[in-house]
Amino acid sequence: MAEGHGDHHHHHHGEERLIRLEQDILSKNNEYAAANRRWLSERNILALNLLSSPGSGKTTLLTRTIEALRGKLPITVIEGDQQTDNDAQKIRQTGAAVQQINTGKGCHLDGHMVGHALESLQPPSGSLLFIENVGNLVCPAAFDLGEAYRVVILSVTEGEDKPIKYPDIFASADLLLLNKLDLLPHLQFDVEQCIDYARRVNPRIKVLQLSATSGEGMDSWYQWLSATRQLAEIGQ
């Protein structure tokens, strides 16, 4: 009987240690993120953290955005993937400067990695920086990278209950891009229900519906980027 009690006590300590360790990791990360935020702010660089499941169309959205805004403002990209630089290569073809981060087994980018990438990339002052996070709706939620805004991309092929299944990421996002609208006629996807779930988790989230493939709705995204960029300038 006493033995069982001892085991329980030991287990409890283990949990406490784990929670402390997580808090240490997050507070260390927040220091790096704060340093990134200062660095970006001094150079008037607008940084967006792009989050999504794998296959949501993030890279297509990015390449199309870079092509549309070419000549209007300088864009650089930090590309996070567990393996390969396939996406970075696609982005390089648009002419944008890209810094690849391979996280190996890691399921998210963190402030430290992004700080290193910024040093290598040296994005020009007044530019727009896209940080394409590792495809995953769980781990990246807790890690601030020093971004100004969080943008979640959800494709209509994924199921409308994603916002309530993965609330943390939607709760921390400023903007939800509902992508692949062109596929709606072939799917059982309830757009209104999805937006309702997102607002339930985050009443202040802004939602744009678009298709990076067909181009439908992309103008509203470019307008959001431009308005956000102007706000950042005023804030300087």
Protein backbone atom coordinates (compact mmCIF):
# COMPACT_ATOMS: atom_id res chain seq x y z
CA MET A 1 0.00 0.00 0.00
CA ALA A 2 2.73 2.45 1.05
CA GLU A 3 4.70 1.49 -2.05
CA GLY A 4 1.86 2.60 -4.32
CA HIS A 5 1.74 5.93 -2.53
CA GLY A 6 5.46 6.42 -3.17
CA ASP A 7 5.02 5.72 -6.88
CA HIS A 8 2.24 8.25 -7.11
CA HIS A 9 4.37 10.84 -5.31
CA HIS A 10 7.27 10.23 -7.71
CA HIS A 11 4.97 10.51 -10.74
CA HIS A 12 3.61 13.81 -9.46
CA HIS A 13 7.14 15.24 -9.19
CA GLY A 14 7.83 14.14 -12.73
CA GLU A 15 4.81 16.09 -13.97
CA GLU A 16 5.86 19.19 -12.03
CA ARG A 17 9.33 18.95 -13.57
CA LEU A 18 7.80 18.66 -17.03
CA ILE A 19 5.61 21.73 -16.53
CA ARG A 20 8.63 23.71 -15.25
CA LEU A 21 10.67 22.59 -18.24
CA GLU A 22 7.92 23.70 -20.64
CA GLN A 23 7.68 27.07 -18.89
CA ASP A 24 11.47 27.50 -19.17
CA ILE A 25 11.42 26.65 -22.88
CA LEU A 26 8.57 29.09 -23.53
CA SER A 27 10.04 31.94 -21.49
CA LYS A 28 13.41 31.47 -23.25
CA ASN A 29 11.57 31.46 -26.58
CA ASN A 30 9.71 34.65 -25.65
CA GLU A 31 13.04 36.40 -25.01
CA TYR A 32 14.24 35.46 -28.50
CA ALA A 33 10.88 36.49 -29.98
CA ALA A 34 11.06 39.88 -28.24
CA ALA A 35 14.57 40.42 -29.64
CA ASN A 36 13.31 39.50 -33.15
CA ARG A 37 10.39 41.90 -32.74
CA ARG A 38 12.76 44.75 -31.82
CA TRP A 39 15.08 43.90 -34.72
CA LEU A 40 12.16 43.88 -37.19
CA SER A 41 10.61 47.03 -35.78
CA GLU A 42 13.89 48.99 -36.03
CA ARG A 43 13.99 48.12 -39.74
CA ASN A 44 10.28 48.68 -40.28
CA ILE A 45 9.85 45.10 -41.51
CA LEU A 46 6.35 43.62 -41.33
CA ALA A 47 6.60 39.93 -40.36
CA LEU A 48 3.74 37.46 -40.78
CA ASN A 49 3.73 33.96 -39.32
CA LEU A 50 1.86 31.60 -41.69
CA LEU A 51 0.38 28.52 -40.05
CA SER A 52 -1.53 25.56 -41.46
CA SER A 53 -1.80 21.80 -41.83
CA PRO A 54 0.33 20.18 -44.54
CA GLY A 55 -1.32 20.52 -47.95
CA SER A 56 -3.39 23.64 -47.20
CA GLY A 57 -1.86 25.46 -50.17
CA LYS A 58 0.52 27.76 -48.18
CA THR A 59 3.34 27.63 -50.71
CA THR A 60 1.04 28.21 -53.70
CA LEU A 61 -0.50 31.15 -51.83
CA LEU A 62 2.97 32.54 -51.14
CA THR A 63 4.34 32.21 -54.66
CA ARG A 64 1.22 33.78 -56.13
CA THR A 65 1.37 36.63 -53.59
CA ILE A 66 5.05 37.33 -54.31
CA GLU A 67 4.36 37.41 -58.05
CA ALA A 68 1.38 39.75 -57.60
CA LEU A 69 3.25 42.18 -55.36
CA ARG A 70 6.52 42.09 -57.28
CA GLY A 71 7.86 45.60 -57.77
CA LYS A 72 5.42 47.03 -55.21
CA LEU A 73 7.37 46.06 -52.12
CA PRO A 74 10.35 43.84 -51.29
CA ILE A 75 9.35 40.40 -49.97
CA THR A 76 11.56 37.86 -48.23
CA VAL A 77 10.65 34.42 -46.89
CA ILE A 78 11.77 32.18 -44.06
CA GLU A 79 10.74 28.66 -45.00
CA GLY A 80 10.30 26.07 -42.23
CA ASP A 81 10.10 22.36 -43.05
CA GLN A 82 11.08 19.19 -41.23
CA GLN A 83 12.96 17.91 -44.29
CA THR A 84 13.80 18.99 -47.89
CA ASP A 85 13.93 22.46 -49.41
CA ASN A 86 11.30 21.76 -52.09
CA ASP A 87 9.08 24.66 -51.02
CA ALA A 88 12.03 27.04 -50.71
CA GLN A 89 13.03 26.17 -54.28
CA LYS A 90 9.50 26.99 -55.54
CA ILE A 91 9.67 30.34 -53.75
CA ARG A 92 13.18 31.07 -55.09
CA GLN A 93 11.80 30.72 -58.61
CA THR A 94 9.69 33.84 -57.97
CA GLY A 95 12.90 35.79 -57.35
CA ALA A 96 12.27 36.35 -53.63
CA ALA A 97 15.12 35.81 -51.17
CA VAL A 98 14.51 32.71 -49.04
CA GLN A 99 16.15 31.32 -45.93
CA GLN A 100 15.43 27.64 -45.34
CA ILE A 101 15.12 26.23 -41.82
CA ASN A 102 14.97 22.43 -41.52
CA THR A 103 13.70 21.45 -38.09
CA GLY A 104 14.44 17.71 -38.48
CA LYS A 105 12.17 16.06 -35.91
CA GLY A 106 10.97 19.43 -34.59
CA CYS A 107 7.34 20.23 -35.36
CA HIS A 108 7.52 24.05 -35.25
CA LEU A 109 9.83 27.02 -35.70
CA ASP A 110 10.99 28.91 -32.60
CA GLY A 111 12.26 32.39 -31.87
CA HIS A 112 15.91 31.32 -31.79
CA MET A 113 15.82 29.65 -35.24
CA VAL A 114 14.06 32.69 -36.72
CA GLY A 115 16.65 35.04 -35.16
CA HIS A 116 19.44 33.12 -36.88
CA ALA A 117 17.54 33.10 -40.17
CA LEU A 118 17.06 36.90 -39.97
CA GLU A 119 20.81 37.37 -39.55
CA SER A 120 21.51 35.28 -42.66
CA LEU A 121 18.64 36.67 -44.72
CA GLN A 122 19.05 40.35 -43.77
CA PRO A 123 15.65 41.40 -45.18
CA PRO A 124 15.71 44.99 -46.48
CA SER A 125 14.18 47.81 -44.42
CA GLY A 126 10.51 48.44 -45.15
CA SER A 127 9.98 44.95 -46.54
CA LEU A 128 7.39 42.25 -45.97
CA LEU A 129 8.64 39.04 -44.36
CA PHE A 130 6.66 35.82 -44.61
CA ILE A 131 7.56 33.07 -42.15
CA GLU A 132 6.15 29.80 -43.45
CA ASN A 133 5.89 27.63 -40.35
CA VAL A 134 6.11 23.82 -40.30
CA GLY A 135 2.82 22.29 -41.53
CA ASN A 136 1.02 21.42 -38.31
CA LEU A 137 -1.89 22.95 -36.35
CA VAL A 138 -0.66 22.06 -32.85
CA CYS A 139 2.98 22.78 -31.92
CA PRO A 140 3.47 26.19 -33.58
CA ALA A 141 0.61 27.72 -31.54
CA ALA A 142 2.69 28.17 -28.38
CA PHE A 143 5.76 29.69 -30.02
CA ASP A 144 5.94 33.42 -30.66
CA LEU A 145 8.48 34.14 -33.41
CA GLY A 146 8.42 37.92 -33.10
CA GLU A 147 5.84 38.28 -35.88
CA ALA A 148 3.42 41.21 -36.13
CA TYR A 149 0.50 39.00 -37.24
CA ARG A 150 -0.47 35.35 -37.34
CA VAL A 151 -2.25 34.09 -40.43
CA VAL A 152 -3.87 30.64 -40.40
CA ILE A 153 -4.55 29.01 -43.76
CA LEU A 154 -7.28 26.39 -43.77
CA SER A 155 -8.29 24.68 -46.98
CA VAL A 156 -11.89 23.63 -47.61
CA THR A 157 -10.62 20.07 -48.19
CA GLU A 158 -9.87 19.76 -44.46
CA GLY A 159 -13.22 19.76 -42.66
CA GLU A 160 -15.04 22.67 -41.06
CA ASP A 161 -14.40 21.56 -37.46
CA LYS A 162 -10.65 22.30 -37.53
CA PRO A 163 -11.02 25.54 -35.49
CA ILE A 164 -12.64 23.72 -32.56
CA LYS A 165 -10.31 20.71 -32.87
CA TYR A 166 -7.19 22.90 -32.75
CA PRO A 167 -8.45 25.94 -30.84
CA ASP A 168 -5.07 27.29 -29.68
CA ILE A 169 -3.83 28.11 -33.14
CA PHE A 170 -7.10 29.76 -34.20
CA ALA A 171 -7.39 31.63 -30.88
CA SER A 172 -3.97 33.20 -31.43
CA ALA A 173 -4.50 34.11 -35.12
CA ASP A 174 -5.32 37.55 -36.50
CA LEU A 175 -6.50 36.33 -39.88
CA LEU A 176 -7.99 33.12 -41.27
CA LEU A 177 -7.58 32.46 -44.98
CA LEU A 178 -10.09 29.91 -46.19
CA ASN A 179 -8.29 28.52 -49.22
CA LYS A 180 -9.19 26.30 -52.22
CA LEU A 181 -12.65 27.85 -52.68
CA ASP A 182 -12.55 26.57 -56.28
CA LEU A 183 -13.02 23.02 -54.91
CA LEU A 184 -16.21 23.80 -52.94
CA PRO A 185 -18.61 22.41 -55.60
CA HIS A 186 -16.96 18.99 -55.18
CA LEU A 187 -16.99 18.91 -51.38
CA GLN A 188 -19.33 18.68 -48.40
CA PHE A 189 -17.84 21.70 -46.64
CA ASP A 190 -19.97 24.14 -44.67
CA VAL A 191 -18.24 27.52 -45.00
CA GLU A 192 -20.59 29.34 -42.59
CA GLN A 193 -20.18 26.63 -39.94
CA CYS A 194 -16.39 26.78 -40.24
CA ILE A 195 -16.34 30.58 -39.83
CA ASP A 196 -18.75 30.29 -36.91
CA TYR A 197 -16.42 27.80 -35.17
CA ALA A 198 -13.44 30.08 -35.79
CA ARG A 199 -15.28 33.06 -34.28
CA ARG A 200 -16.40 30.97 -31.33
CA VAL A 201 -12.75 30.28 -30.54
CA ASN A 202 -11.61 33.79 -31.47
CA PRO A 203 -14.27 36.52 -31.77
CA ARG A 204 -11.78 39.03 -33.25
CA ILE A 205 -10.45 36.80 -36.07
CA LYS A 206 -10.79 38.26 -39.56
CA VAL A 207 -11.77 35.79 -42.31
CA LEU A 208 -11.03 35.97 -46.03
CA GLN A 209 -12.20 33.38 -48.55
CA LEU A 210 -10.00 32.76 -51.57
CA SER A 211 -8.40 30.34 -53.97
CA ALA A 212 -4.66 30.64 -54.50
CA THR A 213 -5.06 28.40 -57.55
CA SER A 214 -7.87 30.19 -59.42
CA GLY A 215 -7.04 33.64 -58.00
CA GLU A 216 -10.58 34.20 -56.72
CA GLY A 217 -10.60 36.42 -53.62
CA MET A 218 -6.83 37.02 -53.75
CA ASP A 219 -7.34 40.78 -54.14
CA SER A 220 -8.89 41.00 -50.67
CA TRP A 221 -5.74 39.32 -49.28
CA TYR A 222 -3.48 41.81 -51.11
CA GLN A 223 -5.62 44.66 -49.76
CA TRP A 224 -5.28 43.27 -46.23
CA LEU A 225 -1.49 43.10 -46.67
CA SER A 226 -1.32 46.63 -47.96
CA ALA A 227 -3.58 48.02 -45.19
CA THR A 228 -1.55 46.15 -42.56
CA ARG A 229 1.67 47.49 -44.05
CA GLN A 230 0.29 51.07 -43.85
CA LEU A 231 -0.75 50.55 -40.22
CA ALA A 232 2.79 49.42 -39.43
CA GLU A 233 4.17 52.59 -41.05
CA ILE A 234 1.85 54.79 -38.97
CA GLY A 235 2.91 52.90 -35.86
CA GLN A 236 6.57 53.69 -36.49
